[in-house]
Amino acid sequence: MARMHTRKHGKSKSRKPVLDEKDLGNGSGELSKEKIEELITEYAKQGTGPAQIGERLKREHGVKYIRQATGKRLGKILDEKGFKNDIPPDMMDLMKKAVRMRKHIDKNTRDAHSAMRLNRTESKIWRLTSYYIRKGVLPAKWRYDPATAELLIKGKA
């Protein structure tokens, strides 16, 4: 798939390597599926986001790929355990970035480069919005608005 705001093309059809049983948990295969799911729920209760949970499992426990170790994706496990968010995490991260950029531009009105980056970030948000509405993750009437995004970010923090 091509990159959105560059002239580069990116890699097509990349595949994750097939792992042996010893590679699924930590180095010696000590972690079971149940133990990995317990760790995921424990981290989610602490307020850790999905990306940070994956990084933590990889760094601290040696779980390379959650899906290959448990047979389910991280998001599916979080949904089953009741940690589903109203807004998908990738969109929430972009909205946080846009709110930070708007605050910066309010202080530094002549920063044209940041204004351009804000435009790109909001374009990504709008594109994701239409995707998630099409997939049924977001309601059909949901729209991105910078003022409500700022309120959402404050409510989550």
Protein backbone atom coordinates (compact mmCIF):
# COMPACT_ATOMS: atom_id res chain seq x y z
CA MET A 1 0.00 0.00 0.00
CA ALA A 2 1.32 3.44 -0.85
CA ARG A 3 2.17 5.95 1.81
CA MET A 4 -0.28 8.77 2.23
CA HIS A 5 1.86 11.91 2.26
CA THR A 6 5.13 10.82 0.64
CA ARG A 7 6.09 9.54 -2.77
CA LYS A 8 7.29 6.18 -1.43
CA HIS A 9 5.42 2.96 -2.01
CA GLY A 10 6.10 0.84 1.07
CA LYS A 11 6.24 -2.95 1.26
CA SER A 12 3.54 -5.11 -0.18
CA LYS A 13 2.41 -8.43 1.30
CA SER A 14 4.76 -8.59 4.26
CA ARG A 15 4.34 -11.75 6.32
CA LYS A 16 5.12 -12.51 9.95
CA PRO A 17 7.54 -15.42 10.39
CA VAL A 18 6.14 -18.79 11.43
CA LEU A 19 7.26 -19.44 14.99
CA ASP A 20 7.97 -22.70 16.78
CA GLU A 21 6.24 -23.64 20.05
CA LYS A 22 9.31 -22.50 22.01
CA ASP A 23 9.03 -19.01 20.49
CA LEU A 24 5.36 -18.44 21.27
CA GLY A 25 5.71 -17.53 24.95
CA ASN A 26 8.95 -16.35 26.41
CA GLY A 27 12.23 -17.94 25.32
CA SER A 28 11.53 -21.35 26.87
CA GLY A 29 7.78 -21.47 26.17
CA GLU A 30 6.75 -21.09 29.84
CA LEU A 31 3.78 -18.76 29.33
CA SER A 32 0.47 -20.44 28.55
CA LYS A 33 -2.44 -18.86 26.68
CA GLU A 34 -4.29 -18.30 29.95
CA LYS A 35 -1.28 -16.61 31.57
CA ILE A 36 -0.86 -14.27 28.58
CA GLU A 37 -4.56 -13.34 28.73
CA GLU A 38 -4.23 -12.69 32.49
CA LEU A 39 -1.29 -10.36 31.83
CA ILE A 40 -3.27 -8.54 29.14
CA THR A 41 -6.25 -7.98 31.47
CA GLU A 42 -3.94 -6.90 34.29
CA TYR A 43 -2.27 -4.30 32.06
CA ALA A 44 -5.64 -3.14 30.72
CA LYS A 45 -6.92 -2.61 34.28
CA GLN A 46 -3.92 -0.36 34.89
CA GLY A 47 -5.08 1.81 31.97
CA THR A 48 -2.42 0.73 29.49
CA GLY A 49 -3.36 1.04 25.82
CA PRO A 50 -3.24 -1.87 23.38
CA ALA A 51 0.01 -0.80 21.70
CA GLN A 52 1.74 -0.44 25.07
CA ILE A 53 0.39 -3.82 26.21
CA GLY A 54 1.92 -5.48 23.15
CA GLU A 55 5.25 -3.72 23.69
CA ARG A 56 5.28 -4.65 27.37
CA LEU A 57 4.54 -8.31 26.66
CA LYS A 58 7.31 -8.36 24.08
CA ARG A 59 9.87 -6.57 26.24
CA GLU A 60 9.16 -7.99 29.71
CA HIS A 61 7.81 -11.46 28.96
CA GLY A 62 9.27 -12.31 25.55
CA VAL A 63 5.90 -12.81 23.82
CA LYS A 64 6.78 -12.00 20.21
CA TYR A 65 3.34 -12.27 18.60
CA ILE A 66 0.20 -12.35 20.73
CA ARG A 67 -1.96 -13.74 17.95
CA GLN A 68 0.33 -16.70 17.31
CA ALA A 69 0.68 -17.38 21.05
CA THR A 70 -3.01 -17.20 21.96
CA GLY A 71 -4.83 -17.76 18.67
CA LYS A 72 -6.63 -14.40 19.06
CA ARG A 73 -5.74 -10.81 18.37
CA LEU A 74 -5.07 -8.44 21.25
CA GLY A 75 -8.17 -6.37 20.45
CA LYS A 76 -10.36 -9.48 20.47
CA ILE A 77 -9.02 -10.49 23.90
CA LEU A 78 -9.66 -6.99 25.25
CA ASP A 79 -13.21 -7.04 23.83
CA GLU A 80 -13.93 -10.41 25.46
CA LYS A 81 -12.66 -9.16 28.82
CA GLY A 82 -14.81 -6.01 28.63
CA PHE A 83 -12.16 -3.39 27.82
CA LYS A 84 -13.68 -2.17 24.56
CA ASN A 85 -13.30 1.54 23.76
CA ASP A 86 -15.89 3.68 21.99
CA ILE A 87 -13.25 5.06 19.64
CA PRO A 88 -10.52 2.81 18.17
CA PRO A 89 -7.07 3.36 19.69
CA ASP A 90 -5.36 4.41 16.45
CA MET A 91 -7.95 7.13 15.88
CA MET A 92 -7.69 8.23 19.52
CA ASP A 93 -3.91 8.59 19.15
CA LEU A 94 -4.35 10.73 16.03
CA MET A 95 -6.94 12.86 17.82
CA LYS A 96 -4.54 13.41 20.75
CA LYS A 97 -1.87 14.45 18.28
CA ALA A 98 -4.26 16.89 16.57
CA VAL A 99 -5.28 18.43 19.91
CA ARG A 100 -1.62 18.95 20.86
CA MET A 101 -0.92 20.51 17.46
CA ARG A 102 -3.89 22.87 17.77
CA LYS A 103 -2.64 24.07 21.17
CA HIS A 104 0.80 24.66 19.66
CA ILE A 105 -0.63 26.57 16.69
CA ASP A 106 -2.76 28.73 19.02
CA LYS A 107 0.45 29.83 20.77
CA ASN A 108 2.59 29.99 17.61
CA THR A 109 0.31 31.37 14.94
CA ARG A 110 3.05 31.79 12.32
CA ASP A 111 4.20 28.17 12.40
CA ALA A 112 3.19 27.17 8.88
CA HIS A 113 4.89 23.75 9.03
CA SER A 114 2.84 22.69 12.04
CA ALA A 115 -0.32 23.96 10.37
CA MET A 116 0.45 21.78 7.37
CA ARG A 117 1.10 18.77 9.63
CA LEU A 118 -2.16 19.42 11.45
CA ASN A 119 -3.96 19.39 8.11
CA ARG A 120 -2.36 16.03 7.26
CA THR A 121 -3.22 14.56 10.66
CA GLU A 122 -6.83 15.64 10.40
CA SER A 123 -7.00 14.21 6.88
CA LYS A 124 -5.93 10.85 8.32
CA ILE A 125 -8.60 11.15 11.00
CA TRP A 126 -11.29 11.86 8.39
CA ARG A 127 -10.14 8.92 6.28
CA LEU A 128 -10.20 6.61 9.31
CA THR A 129 -13.64 7.93 10.24
CA SER A 130 -15.13 6.87 6.93
CA TYR A 131 -13.40 3.48 7.21
CA TYR A 132 -14.69 2.81 10.73
CA ILE A 133 -18.21 3.95 9.81
CA ARG A 134 -18.14 1.57 6.85
CA LYS A 135 -16.97 -1.30 9.10
CA GLY A 136 -19.62 -0.51 11.72
CA VAL A 137 -17.17 0.36 14.50
CA LEU A 138 -18.39 3.96 14.71
CA PRO A 139 -22.02 5.07 14.38
CA ALA A 140 -23.08 6.43 10.99
CA LYS A 141 -23.63 9.97 12.35
CA TRP A 142 -20.20 10.21 14.03
CA ARG A 143 -18.06 13.10 12.81
CA TYR A 144 -14.68 14.45 13.87
CA ASP A 145 -14.83 17.89 15.42
CA PRO A 146 -11.70 19.46 16.99
CA ALA A 147 -13.63 20.96 19.92
CA THR A 148 -15.33 17.69 20.86
CA ALA A 149 -12.05 15.83 20.29
CA GLU A 150 -10.41 18.06 22.90
CA LEU A 151 -13.21 17.28 25.35
CA LEU A 152 -12.86 13.55 24.64
CA ILE A 153 -9.11 13.67 25.26
CA LYS A 154 -9.59 15.55 28.54
CA GLY A 155 -12.21 13.00 29.60
CA LYS A 156 -9.82 10.08 28.94
CA ALA A 157 -6.86 11.68 30.75
